N, C-alpha and C. Protein backbone atom coordinates (compact mmCIF):
# COMPACT_ATOMS: atom_id res chain seq x y z
N UNK A 1 29.59 2.49 101.38
CA UNK A 1 30.40 3.55 100.81
C UNK A 1 30.37 3.49 99.29
N UNK A 2 30.24 4.64 98.67
CA UNK A 2 30.34 4.67 97.20
C UNK A 2 31.75 5.10 96.80
N UNK A 3 31.98 5.17 95.50
CA UNK A 3 33.34 5.48 95.03
C UNK A 3 33.80 6.87 95.46
N UNK A 4 32.86 7.81 95.54
CA UNK A 4 33.24 9.16 95.98
C UNK A 4 33.67 9.16 97.44
N UNK A 5 33.00 8.36 98.24
CA UNK A 5 33.38 8.26 99.66
C UNK A 5 34.78 7.68 99.79
N UNK A 6 35.07 6.66 98.96
CA UNK A 6 36.39 6.03 99.01
C UNK A 6 37.48 7.01 98.58
N UNK A 7 37.19 7.72 97.50
CA UNK A 7 38.17 8.70 97.02
C UNK A 7 38.41 9.78 98.07
N UNK A 8 37.34 10.23 98.73
CA UNK A 8 37.47 11.25 99.76
C UNK A 8 38.28 10.74 100.94
N UNK A 9 38.02 9.48 101.29
CA UNK A 9 38.76 8.89 102.41
C UNK A 9 40.25 8.79 102.11
N UNK A 10 40.58 8.32 100.91
CA UNK A 10 41.99 8.17 100.54
C UNK A 10 42.70 9.52 100.46
N UNK A 11 41.97 10.55 99.96
CA UNK A 11 42.59 11.87 99.87
C UNK A 11 42.87 12.46 101.25
N UNK A 12 42.03 12.09 102.23
CA UNK A 12 42.21 12.60 103.59
C UNK A 12 43.15 11.72 104.42
N UNK A 13 43.48 10.58 103.87
CA UNK A 13 44.37 9.66 104.59
C UNK A 13 45.50 9.21 103.64
N UNK A 14 46.42 10.11 103.34
CA UNK A 14 47.46 9.81 102.34
C UNK A 14 48.41 8.70 102.76
N UNK A 15 48.43 8.37 104.03
CA UNK A 15 49.34 7.31 104.50
C UNK A 15 48.68 5.93 104.48
N UNK A 16 47.47 5.85 103.91
CA UNK A 16 46.75 4.59 103.92
C UNK A 16 47.56 3.47 103.27
N UNK A 17 48.14 3.73 102.09
CA UNK A 17 48.86 2.68 101.38
C UNK A 17 50.21 2.38 102.01
N UNK A 18 50.72 3.32 102.81
CA UNK A 18 51.94 3.00 103.55
C UNK A 18 51.64 2.00 104.64
N UNK A 19 50.47 2.12 105.21
CA UNK A 19 50.07 1.20 106.26
C UNK A 19 49.57 -0.13 105.70
N UNK A 20 49.16 -0.11 104.43
CA UNK A 20 48.65 -1.33 103.79
C UNK A 20 49.38 -1.54 102.46
N UNK A 21 50.69 -1.63 102.55
CA UNK A 21 51.51 -1.74 101.34
C UNK A 21 51.18 -2.97 100.52
N UNK A 22 50.67 -4.02 101.17
CA UNK A 22 50.37 -5.25 100.43
C UNK A 22 49.28 -5.04 99.40
N UNK A 23 48.46 -4.01 99.57
CA UNK A 23 47.38 -3.76 98.62
C UNK A 23 47.90 -3.27 97.27
N UNK A 24 49.06 -2.57 97.30
CA UNK A 24 49.57 -1.98 96.07
C UNK A 24 49.82 -3.03 95.00
N UNK A 25 50.32 -4.18 95.42
CA UNK A 25 50.62 -5.23 94.43
C UNK A 25 49.38 -5.96 93.97
N UNK A 26 48.30 -5.88 94.73
CA UNK A 26 47.09 -6.63 94.37
C UNK A 26 46.11 -5.80 93.56
N UNK A 27 46.23 -4.46 93.62
CA UNK A 27 45.33 -3.61 92.84
C UNK A 27 45.74 -3.64 91.37
N UNK A 28 44.80 -3.89 90.49
CA UNK A 28 45.08 -3.99 89.06
C UNK A 28 44.31 -2.90 88.31
N UNK A 29 44.98 -2.28 87.34
CA UNK A 29 44.39 -1.24 86.53
C UNK A 29 44.62 -1.55 85.06
N UNK A 30 43.79 -0.99 84.20
CA UNK A 30 43.97 -1.14 82.77
C UNK A 30 44.83 0.01 82.25
N UNK A 31 45.91 -0.35 81.57
CA UNK A 31 46.81 0.68 81.05
C UNK A 31 46.31 1.20 79.71
N UNK A 32 46.08 2.51 79.59
CA UNK A 32 45.69 3.07 78.28
C UNK A 32 46.84 3.07 77.29
N UNK A 33 48.06 2.91 77.78
CA UNK A 33 49.24 2.94 76.92
C UNK A 33 49.59 1.53 76.44
N UNK A 34 49.67 0.59 77.40
CA UNK A 34 50.09 -0.77 77.06
C UNK A 34 48.92 -1.66 76.65
N UNK A 35 47.69 -1.24 76.99
CA UNK A 35 46.52 -2.00 76.58
C UNK A 35 46.34 -3.30 77.32
N UNK A 36 46.83 -3.39 78.54
CA UNK A 36 46.66 -4.60 79.35
C UNK A 36 46.54 -4.23 80.82
N UNK A 37 46.19 -5.19 81.63
CA UNK A 37 46.05 -4.96 83.05
C UNK A 37 47.42 -4.89 83.72
N UNK A 38 47.61 -3.88 84.53
CA UNK A 38 48.90 -3.69 85.22
C UNK A 38 48.64 -3.34 86.68
N UNK A 39 49.69 -3.41 87.47
CA UNK A 39 49.56 -3.08 88.89
C UNK A 39 49.51 -1.56 89.08
N UNK A 40 49.13 -1.16 90.28
CA UNK A 40 49.06 0.26 90.58
C UNK A 40 50.43 0.92 90.47
N UNK A 41 51.48 0.21 90.93
CA UNK A 41 52.83 0.77 90.82
C UNK A 41 53.22 1.00 89.36
N UNK A 42 52.88 0.03 88.50
CA UNK A 42 53.21 0.19 87.08
C UNK A 42 52.45 1.36 86.47
N UNK A 43 51.19 1.52 86.87
CA UNK A 43 50.41 2.65 86.35
C UNK A 43 51.01 3.97 86.81
N UNK A 44 51.45 4.03 88.06
CA UNK A 44 52.10 5.23 88.56
C UNK A 44 53.36 5.55 87.76
N UNK A 45 54.11 4.52 87.43
CA UNK A 45 55.32 4.71 86.64
C UNK A 45 54.98 5.22 85.24
N UNK A 46 53.88 4.71 84.67
CA UNK A 46 53.45 5.20 83.37
C UNK A 46 53.14 6.69 83.41
N UNK A 47 52.44 7.10 84.48
CA UNK A 47 52.07 8.51 84.63
C UNK A 47 53.32 9.37 84.76
N UNK A 48 54.28 8.89 85.56
CA UNK A 48 55.53 9.64 85.74
C UNK A 48 56.28 9.75 84.42
N UNK A 49 56.34 8.65 83.66
CA UNK A 49 57.04 8.67 82.37
C UNK A 49 56.38 9.63 81.40
N UNK A 50 55.03 9.66 81.39
CA UNK A 50 54.32 10.58 80.52
C UNK A 50 54.60 12.02 80.89
N UNK A 51 54.64 12.30 82.20
CA UNK A 51 54.95 13.65 82.65
C UNK A 51 56.37 14.04 82.24
N UNK A 52 57.30 13.10 82.37
CA UNK A 52 58.68 13.37 81.98
C UNK A 52 58.79 13.62 80.48
N UNK A 53 58.02 12.86 79.71
CA UNK A 53 58.05 13.04 78.26
C UNK A 53 57.55 14.43 77.87
N UNK A 54 56.47 14.88 78.54
CA UNK A 54 55.94 16.22 78.27
C UNK A 54 56.98 17.27 78.65
N UNK A 55 57.64 17.07 79.80
CA UNK A 55 58.66 18.02 80.25
C UNK A 55 59.84 18.05 79.29
N UNK A 56 60.24 16.89 78.77
CA UNK A 56 61.35 16.82 77.82
C UNK A 56 61.01 17.56 76.53
N UNK A 57 59.77 17.38 76.06
CA UNK A 57 59.35 18.09 74.84
C UNK A 57 59.32 19.59 75.07
N UNK A 58 58.85 19.99 76.25
CA UNK A 58 58.82 21.41 76.58
C UNK A 58 60.23 21.98 76.68
N UNK A 59 61.12 21.22 77.30
CA UNK A 59 62.52 21.67 77.41
C UNK A 59 63.17 21.78 76.04
N UNK A 60 62.88 20.82 75.16
CA UNK A 60 63.44 20.88 73.81
C UNK A 60 62.94 22.10 73.06
N UNK A 61 61.65 22.44 73.25
CA UNK A 61 61.09 23.63 72.60
C UNK A 61 61.74 24.89 73.15
N UNK A 62 61.94 24.96 74.47
CA UNK A 62 62.59 26.13 75.06
C UNK A 62 64.02 26.27 74.56
N UNK A 63 64.73 25.16 74.41
CA UNK A 63 66.09 25.20 73.90
C UNK A 63 66.12 25.67 72.45
N UNK A 64 65.14 25.23 71.67
CA UNK A 64 65.07 25.67 70.27
C UNK A 64 64.84 27.17 70.20
N UNK A 65 63.90 27.66 71.02
CA UNK A 65 63.61 29.10 71.03
C UNK A 65 64.85 29.89 71.46
N UNK A 66 65.56 29.36 72.49
CA UNK A 66 66.77 30.04 72.96
C UNK A 66 67.83 30.10 71.87
N UNK A 67 67.99 29.00 71.13
CA UNK A 67 68.97 28.98 70.04
C UNK A 67 68.57 29.96 68.92
N UNK A 68 67.27 30.01 68.62
CA UNK A 68 66.80 30.97 67.60
C UNK A 68 67.06 32.40 68.05
N UNK A 69 66.79 32.67 69.33
CA UNK A 69 67.02 34.02 69.86
C UNK A 69 68.51 34.37 69.84
N UNK A 70 69.36 33.40 70.15
CA UNK A 70 70.81 33.65 70.08
C UNK A 70 71.24 33.99 68.67
N UNK A 71 70.68 33.26 67.70
CA UNK A 71 71.03 33.51 66.30
C UNK A 71 70.56 34.90 65.87
N UNK A 72 69.37 35.29 66.27
CA UNK A 72 68.85 36.61 65.93
C UNK A 72 69.68 37.71 66.58
N UNK A 73 70.06 37.49 67.85
CA UNK A 73 70.88 38.47 68.56
C UNK A 73 72.23 38.65 67.87
N UNK A 74 72.81 37.54 67.42
CA UNK A 74 74.10 37.62 66.73
C UNK A 74 73.96 38.40 65.42
N UNK A 75 72.89 38.16 64.69
CA UNK A 75 72.67 38.89 63.43
C UNK A 75 72.44 40.38 63.69
N UNK A 76 71.68 40.66 64.74
CA UNK A 76 71.42 42.06 65.08
C UNK A 76 72.71 42.78 65.43
N UNK A 77 73.61 42.09 66.14
CA UNK A 77 74.90 42.69 66.49
C UNK A 77 75.74 42.93 65.23
N UNK A 78 75.73 41.98 64.31
CA UNK A 78 76.47 42.15 63.05
C UNK A 78 75.94 43.34 62.26
N UNK A 79 74.62 43.46 62.21
CA UNK A 79 74.00 44.56 61.47
C UNK A 79 74.34 45.90 62.11
N UNK A 80 74.25 45.98 63.44
CA UNK A 80 74.58 47.22 64.15
C UNK A 80 76.03 47.60 63.92
N UNK A 81 76.90 46.61 63.88
CA UNK A 81 78.32 46.87 63.63
C UNK A 81 78.52 47.50 62.25
N UNK A 82 77.78 47.02 61.25
CA UNK A 82 77.88 47.61 59.92
C UNK A 82 77.47 49.08 59.93
N UNK A 83 76.47 49.42 60.72
CA UNK A 83 76.04 50.81 60.82
C UNK A 83 77.12 51.68 61.44
N UNK A 84 77.77 51.15 62.48
CA UNK A 84 78.81 51.92 63.16
C UNK A 84 80.04 52.11 62.29
N UNK A 85 80.26 51.20 61.33
CA UNK A 85 81.43 51.30 60.46
C UNK A 85 81.22 52.28 59.30
N UNK A 86 79.98 52.72 59.10
CA UNK A 86 79.70 53.64 57.99
C UNK A 86 80.48 54.94 58.19
N UNK A 87 81.19 55.37 57.18
CA UNK A 87 82.06 56.55 57.29
C UNK A 87 81.35 57.84 56.89
N UNK A 88 80.36 57.75 56.01
CA UNK A 88 79.68 58.95 55.54
C UNK A 88 78.18 58.84 55.81
N UNK A 89 77.58 59.90 56.26
CA UNK A 89 76.15 59.89 56.54
C UNK A 89 75.34 59.54 55.30
N UNK A 90 75.74 60.05 54.15
CA UNK A 90 74.97 59.85 52.94
C UNK A 90 74.96 58.38 52.51
N UNK A 91 75.97 57.62 52.94
CA UNK A 91 76.04 56.19 52.61
C UNK A 91 75.24 55.33 53.58
N UNK A 92 74.85 55.91 54.70
CA UNK A 92 74.26 55.12 55.78
C UNK A 92 72.96 54.41 55.38
N UNK A 93 72.01 55.07 54.70
CA UNK A 93 70.78 54.36 54.33
C UNK A 93 71.03 53.15 53.43
N UNK A 94 71.98 53.28 52.49
CA UNK A 94 72.29 52.13 51.63
C UNK A 94 72.92 51.00 52.44
N UNK A 95 73.89 51.34 53.27
CA UNK A 95 74.55 50.32 54.10
C UNK A 95 73.53 49.66 55.02
N UNK A 96 72.64 50.46 55.57
CA UNK A 96 71.63 49.94 56.50
C UNK A 96 70.73 48.91 55.81
N UNK A 97 70.20 49.26 54.64
CA UNK A 97 69.27 48.35 53.96
C UNK A 97 69.99 47.17 53.32
N UNK A 98 71.16 47.42 52.73
CA UNK A 98 71.89 46.33 52.06
C UNK A 98 72.39 45.30 53.08
N UNK A 99 72.94 45.75 54.19
CA UNK A 99 73.42 44.81 55.19
C UNK A 99 72.26 44.07 55.84
N UNK A 100 71.12 44.74 55.95
CA UNK A 100 69.94 44.07 56.48
C UNK A 100 69.51 42.92 55.57
N UNK A 101 69.51 43.17 54.28
CA UNK A 101 69.18 42.10 53.33
C UNK A 101 70.15 40.94 53.43
N UNK A 102 71.43 41.24 53.50
CA UNK A 102 72.45 40.19 53.52
C UNK A 102 72.44 39.41 54.83
N UNK A 103 72.39 40.12 55.94
CA UNK A 103 72.53 39.47 57.25
C UNK A 103 71.26 38.72 57.65
N UNK A 104 70.10 39.33 57.40
CA UNK A 104 68.84 38.71 57.80
C UNK A 104 68.18 37.92 56.67
N UNK A 105 68.89 37.81 55.55
CA UNK A 105 68.39 37.05 54.42
C UNK A 105 67.01 37.55 53.98
N UNK A 106 66.92 38.86 53.75
CA UNK A 106 65.68 39.49 53.31
C UNK A 106 65.73 39.73 51.81
N UNK A 107 64.66 39.43 51.09
CA UNK A 107 64.67 39.68 49.64
C UNK A 107 64.84 41.15 49.30
N UNK A 108 64.09 42.03 49.99
CA UNK A 108 64.14 43.45 49.65
C UNK A 108 64.02 44.31 50.91
N UNK A 109 64.74 45.41 50.90
CA UNK A 109 64.64 46.39 51.99
C UNK A 109 64.94 47.77 51.41
N UNK A 110 64.13 48.72 51.76
CA UNK A 110 64.35 50.10 51.32
C UNK A 110 63.73 51.03 52.35
N UNK A 111 63.88 52.33 52.13
CA UNK A 111 63.32 53.30 53.07
C UNK A 111 63.14 54.64 52.40
N UNK A 112 62.36 55.48 53.03
CA UNK A 112 62.21 56.87 52.63
C UNK A 112 62.20 57.73 53.89
N UNK A 113 62.85 58.91 53.76
CA UNK A 113 62.87 59.89 54.84
C UNK A 113 62.26 61.19 54.34
N UNK A 114 61.57 61.88 55.19
CA UNK A 114 61.10 63.21 54.84
C UNK A 114 61.60 64.21 55.90
N UNK A 115 61.52 65.47 55.57
CA UNK A 115 62.07 66.53 56.43
C UNK A 115 63.57 66.36 56.62
N UNK A 116 64.25 65.92 55.54
CA UNK A 116 65.69 65.74 55.65
C UNK A 116 66.40 67.08 55.55
N UNK A 117 67.63 67.12 56.03
CA UNK A 117 68.45 68.33 55.95
C UNK A 117 68.77 68.62 54.48
N UNK A 118 69.12 69.84 54.20
CA UNK A 118 69.36 70.29 52.82
C UNK A 118 70.42 69.45 52.12
N UNK A 119 71.44 69.02 52.84
CA UNK A 119 72.54 68.25 52.24
C UNK A 119 72.09 66.91 51.66
N UNK A 120 70.92 66.42 52.07
CA UNK A 120 70.49 65.08 51.66
C UNK A 120 69.26 65.09 50.75
N UNK A 121 68.78 66.25 50.37
CA UNK A 121 67.54 66.32 49.60
C UNK A 121 67.68 65.78 48.18
N UNK A 122 68.90 65.61 47.70
CA UNK A 122 69.12 65.10 46.35
C UNK A 122 69.20 63.57 46.31
N UNK A 123 69.13 62.91 47.44
CA UNK A 123 69.40 61.47 47.52
C UNK A 123 68.16 60.63 47.21
N UNK A 124 68.41 59.35 46.93
CA UNK A 124 67.31 58.44 46.60
C UNK A 124 66.37 58.24 47.79
N UNK A 125 66.91 58.25 48.99
CA UNK A 125 66.06 57.97 50.16
C UNK A 125 65.23 59.18 50.58
N UNK A 126 65.49 60.36 49.95
CA UNK A 126 64.71 61.56 50.24
C UNK A 126 63.73 61.89 49.11
N UNK A 127 63.51 60.93 48.21
CA UNK A 127 62.55 61.17 47.13
C UNK A 127 61.17 61.47 47.71
N UNK A 128 60.40 62.25 46.98
CA UNK A 128 59.12 62.73 47.48
C UNK A 128 58.18 61.57 47.83
N UNK A 129 57.48 61.72 48.93
CA UNK A 129 56.46 60.77 49.35
C UNK A 129 55.15 61.53 49.53
N UNK A 130 54.06 60.85 49.34
CA UNK A 130 52.76 61.50 49.44
C UNK A 130 52.38 61.74 50.90
N UNK A 131 51.44 62.64 51.07
CA UNK A 131 50.94 62.91 52.42
C UNK A 131 50.27 61.68 53.01
N UNK A 132 49.65 60.86 52.15
CA UNK A 132 48.99 59.64 52.63
C UNK A 132 49.99 58.70 53.29
N UNK A 133 51.16 58.53 52.66
CA UNK A 133 52.19 57.66 53.24
C UNK A 133 52.66 58.22 54.57
N UNK A 134 52.87 59.52 54.63
CA UNK A 134 53.36 60.13 55.86
C UNK A 134 52.33 60.02 56.98
N UNK A 135 51.05 60.18 56.65
CA UNK A 135 49.99 60.02 57.65
C UNK A 135 49.87 58.58 58.10
N UNK A 136 50.05 57.65 57.14
CA UNK A 136 50.01 56.23 57.48
C UNK A 136 51.12 55.88 58.46
N UNK A 137 52.32 56.36 58.18
CA UNK A 137 53.45 56.09 59.08
C UNK A 137 53.24 56.74 60.44
N UNK A 138 52.71 57.96 60.43
CA UNK A 138 52.46 58.68 61.68
C UNK A 138 51.48 57.93 62.57
N UNK A 139 50.49 57.29 61.96
CA UNK A 139 49.47 56.59 62.72
C UNK A 139 49.88 55.22 63.24
N UNK A 140 51.04 54.73 62.81
CA UNK A 140 51.50 53.40 63.24
C UNK A 140 52.13 53.49 64.63
N UNK A 141 51.66 52.64 65.52
CA UNK A 141 52.28 52.55 66.85
C UNK A 141 53.19 51.33 66.95
N UNK A 142 53.01 50.38 66.06
CA UNK A 142 53.85 49.18 65.99
C UNK A 142 54.11 48.88 64.52
N UNK A 143 55.14 48.10 64.20
CA UNK A 143 55.39 47.74 62.80
C UNK A 143 54.20 47.00 62.19
N UNK A 144 54.00 47.24 60.91
CA UNK A 144 52.95 46.53 60.17
C UNK A 144 53.56 45.31 59.50
N UNK A 145 52.88 44.18 59.59
CA UNK A 145 53.26 42.97 58.86
C UNK A 145 52.01 42.40 58.20
N UNK A 146 52.12 42.04 56.93
CA UNK A 146 50.96 41.45 56.28
C UNK A 146 51.07 41.49 54.77
N UNK A 147 49.96 41.21 54.12
CA UNK A 147 49.92 41.18 52.66
C UNK A 147 50.08 42.58 52.08
N UNK A 148 50.65 42.61 50.90
CA UNK A 148 50.77 43.87 50.19
C UNK A 148 49.41 44.22 49.58
N UNK A 149 48.76 45.19 50.18
CA UNK A 149 47.45 45.62 49.70
C UNK A 149 47.60 46.85 48.81
N UNK A 150 48.50 46.71 47.84
CA UNK A 150 48.80 47.79 46.90
C UNK A 150 49.24 49.05 47.64
N UNK A 151 50.10 48.86 48.62
CA UNK A 151 50.63 49.99 49.36
C UNK A 151 51.56 50.80 48.46
N UNK A 152 51.51 52.10 48.63
CA UNK A 152 52.40 52.97 47.87
C UNK A 152 53.86 52.64 48.16
N UNK A 153 54.16 52.29 49.41
CA UNK A 153 55.54 51.99 49.79
C UNK A 153 56.10 50.79 49.04
N UNK A 154 55.23 49.90 48.56
CA UNK A 154 55.71 48.74 47.79
C UNK A 154 56.36 49.18 46.48
N UNK A 155 55.92 50.33 45.96
CA UNK A 155 56.49 50.81 44.70
C UNK A 155 57.91 51.33 44.88
N UNK A 156 58.35 51.54 46.10
CA UNK A 156 59.72 51.97 46.35
C UNK A 156 60.71 50.84 46.11
N UNK A 157 60.22 49.61 46.14
CA UNK A 157 61.09 48.44 45.97
C UNK A 157 61.30 48.17 44.49
N UNK A 158 62.55 48.17 44.07
CA UNK A 158 62.88 47.88 42.68
C UNK A 158 62.99 46.36 42.51
N UNK A 159 61.98 45.79 41.87
CA UNK A 159 61.94 44.33 41.74
C UNK A 159 61.13 43.94 40.52
N UNK A 160 61.57 42.86 39.87
CA UNK A 160 60.79 42.29 38.77
C UNK A 160 59.72 41.35 39.28
N UNK A 161 59.80 41.02 40.57
CA UNK A 161 58.82 40.13 41.19
C UNK A 161 57.72 40.96 41.87
N UNK A 162 56.55 40.38 41.93
CA UNK A 162 55.47 41.03 42.66
C UNK A 162 55.73 40.89 44.16
N UNK A 163 55.58 41.97 44.88
CA UNK A 163 55.76 41.95 46.33
C UNK A 163 54.47 41.47 46.97
N UNK A 164 54.51 40.28 47.57
CA UNK A 164 53.30 39.66 48.11
C UNK A 164 53.07 40.00 49.57
N UNK A 165 54.15 40.17 50.33
CA UNK A 165 54.01 40.49 51.75
C UNK A 165 55.05 41.53 52.15
N UNK A 166 54.70 42.31 53.18
CA UNK A 166 55.55 43.43 53.56
C UNK A 166 55.61 43.60 55.07
N UNK A 167 56.70 44.23 55.51
CA UNK A 167 56.79 44.76 56.86
C UNK A 167 57.16 46.22 56.73
N UNK A 168 56.44 47.08 57.43
CA UNK A 168 56.71 48.52 57.38
C UNK A 168 56.91 49.04 58.79
N UNK A 169 58.04 49.74 58.98
CA UNK A 169 58.44 50.19 60.31
C UNK A 169 58.51 51.72 60.33
N UNK A 170 57.69 52.37 61.15
CA UNK A 170 57.76 53.83 61.25
C UNK A 170 59.06 54.26 61.92
N UNK A 171 59.62 55.34 61.45
CA UNK A 171 60.87 55.85 62.00
C UNK A 171 60.60 57.12 62.80
N UNK A 172 60.88 57.05 64.07
CA UNK A 172 60.75 58.19 64.97
C UNK A 172 61.70 57.97 66.13
N UNK A 173 62.20 59.04 66.71
CA UNK A 173 63.21 58.92 67.75
C UNK A 173 62.60 58.57 69.10
N UNK A 174 61.31 58.85 69.26
CA UNK A 174 60.58 58.49 70.49
C UNK A 174 59.10 58.46 70.16
N UNK A 175 58.31 57.83 71.02
CA UNK A 175 56.89 57.67 70.74
C UNK A 175 56.16 59.00 70.62
N UNK A 176 56.64 60.00 71.35
CA UNK A 176 55.97 61.31 71.32
C UNK A 176 56.64 62.29 70.37
N UNK A 177 57.57 61.79 69.54
CA UNK A 177 58.27 62.63 68.57
C UNK A 177 57.67 62.42 67.17
N UNK A 178 57.84 63.38 66.26
CA UNK A 178 57.28 63.24 64.90
C UNK A 178 57.92 62.06 64.15
N UNK A 179 57.11 61.45 63.30
CA UNK A 179 57.62 60.39 62.42
C UNK A 179 58.33 61.05 61.24
N UNK A 180 59.53 60.56 60.92
CA UNK A 180 60.30 61.19 59.84
C UNK A 180 60.67 60.23 58.73
N UNK A 181 60.14 59.01 58.75
CA UNK A 181 60.46 58.08 57.67
C UNK A 181 59.77 56.75 57.84
N UNK A 182 60.02 55.88 56.87
CA UNK A 182 59.42 54.56 56.85
C UNK A 182 60.43 53.56 56.29
N UNK A 183 60.71 52.52 57.04
CA UNK A 183 61.56 51.42 56.58
C UNK A 183 60.65 50.31 56.07
N UNK A 184 60.94 49.83 54.87
CA UNK A 184 60.05 48.88 54.19
C UNK A 184 60.82 47.60 53.85
N UNK A 185 60.28 46.47 54.26
CA UNK A 185 60.82 45.15 53.92
C UNK A 185 59.78 44.44 53.06
N UNK A 186 60.23 43.81 51.99
CA UNK A 186 59.28 43.15 51.10
C UNK A 186 59.74 41.77 50.68
N UNK A 187 58.77 40.96 50.29
CA UNK A 187 59.09 39.60 49.85
C UNK A 187 58.04 39.12 48.85
N UNK A 188 58.46 38.32 47.84
CA UNK A 188 57.48 37.70 46.94
C UNK A 188 56.73 36.54 47.60
N UNK A 189 57.20 36.12 48.75
CA UNK A 189 56.57 35.03 49.50
C UNK A 189 55.46 35.59 50.38
N UNK A 190 54.21 35.21 50.16
CA UNK A 190 53.11 35.76 50.97
C UNK A 190 53.17 35.36 52.44
N UNK A 191 53.95 34.32 52.74
CA UNK A 191 54.04 33.86 54.13
C UNK A 191 55.24 34.44 54.86
N UNK A 192 56.04 35.27 54.18
CA UNK A 192 57.24 35.81 54.84
C UNK A 192 56.86 36.80 55.94
N UNK A 193 55.92 37.68 55.66
CA UNK A 193 55.45 38.64 56.65
C UNK A 193 53.93 38.48 56.78
N UNK A 194 53.48 38.10 57.95
CA UNK A 194 52.05 37.89 58.18
C UNK A 194 51.59 38.69 59.39
N UNK A 195 50.30 38.92 59.47
CA UNK A 195 49.74 39.70 60.57
C UNK A 195 49.83 38.97 61.91
N UNK A 196 50.08 37.65 61.85
CA UNK A 196 50.21 36.88 63.09
C UNK A 196 51.62 36.96 63.69
N UNK A 197 52.56 37.55 62.96
CA UNK A 197 53.95 37.61 63.41
C UNK A 197 54.08 38.49 64.64
N UNK A 198 55.00 38.09 65.53
CA UNK A 198 55.38 38.98 66.62
C UNK A 198 56.25 40.09 66.05
N UNK A 199 56.08 41.30 66.57
CA UNK A 199 56.79 42.46 66.00
C UNK A 199 57.81 43.06 66.96
N UNK A 200 58.08 42.39 68.08
CA UNK A 200 59.02 42.94 69.06
C UNK A 200 60.40 43.18 68.44
N UNK A 201 60.90 42.19 67.70
CA UNK A 201 62.22 42.32 67.12
C UNK A 201 62.23 43.38 66.02
N UNK A 202 61.17 43.44 65.23
CA UNK A 202 61.08 44.47 64.20
C UNK A 202 61.05 45.86 64.83
N UNK A 203 60.40 45.98 65.98
CA UNK A 203 60.38 47.27 66.67
C UNK A 203 61.79 47.70 67.08
N UNK A 204 62.61 46.74 67.49
CA UNK A 204 64.00 47.05 67.85
C UNK A 204 64.78 47.51 66.62
N UNK A 205 64.54 46.85 65.49
CA UNK A 205 65.18 47.28 64.25
C UNK A 205 64.75 48.70 63.90
N UNK A 206 63.45 48.99 64.07
CA UNK A 206 62.96 50.33 63.79
C UNK A 206 63.59 51.38 64.70
N UNK A 207 63.74 51.04 65.98
CA UNK A 207 64.36 51.97 66.93
C UNK A 207 65.82 52.26 66.55
N UNK A 208 66.55 51.19 66.21
CA UNK A 208 67.96 51.36 65.85
C UNK A 208 68.10 52.14 64.55
N UNK A 209 67.25 51.84 63.57
CA UNK A 209 67.27 52.57 62.31
C UNK A 209 66.99 54.05 62.54
N UNK A 210 66.00 54.33 63.37
CA UNK A 210 65.64 55.73 63.67
C UNK A 210 66.82 56.47 64.29
N UNK A 211 67.48 55.83 65.25
CA UNK A 211 68.62 56.47 65.92
C UNK A 211 69.76 56.70 64.94
N UNK A 212 69.99 55.74 64.03
CA UNK A 212 71.10 55.86 63.08
C UNK A 212 70.87 56.98 62.06
N UNK A 213 69.61 57.17 61.66
CA UNK A 213 69.31 58.12 60.58
C UNK A 213 68.85 59.48 61.08
N UNK A 214 68.72 59.62 62.37
CA UNK A 214 68.19 60.88 62.92
C UNK A 214 69.10 62.07 62.61
N UNK A 215 70.38 61.81 62.39
CA UNK A 215 71.32 62.89 62.07
C UNK A 215 71.03 63.55 60.74
N UNK A 216 70.20 62.89 59.89
CA UNK A 216 69.91 63.43 58.58
C UNK A 216 68.67 64.32 58.56
N UNK A 217 67.97 64.40 59.68
CA UNK A 217 66.71 65.11 59.71
C UNK A 217 66.95 66.58 60.06
N UNK A 218 66.20 67.44 59.38
CA UNK A 218 66.29 68.88 59.62
C UNK A 218 65.47 69.20 60.87
N UNK A 219 66.14 69.44 61.97
CA UNK A 219 65.46 69.65 63.25
C UNK A 219 64.90 71.07 63.33
């Protein structure tokens, strides 16, 4: 019999060591962890401990992610509450962006709306935007995250610092509805917004922003 035959036999006869328990104490293996010869039972315990260690690390990672998600959910609730407390429609864009900066610890946040109702055409958030920006926003199906490639929207941010990275969120009430604005987040840190970032949470912010500001659009 060769080693493959032995392995095949043992796999087909799982009760072999129950019937020959005395062999367990006599079989010796080299431990890759302890660096010495150990019994089969000790090696099995090493394997179990290693599996438990991997499971503990995985559990710790899941708990960390859950805690991060709880913190984000709490901030999102605080931000939404600020929107609901706004008393005047004209104040809503400022409250929305300012509370976003404060609650989510963002360096800069601003927005622009187009096709606004007549009552809001004099406001800062209804300042003229180029057709290129509007087409860019219209073509976005998900939020953009990445380096500032001299985007026109970066010029909307009033800052003495250079904006190195940005997130841009198209504003529309539904996927098949026209885009009516763009929410822009900026940072001097090039690593704050990257193309590798998940955008699920940003999409939720975009949806909530769209719903909050839709009352200002000339339907």
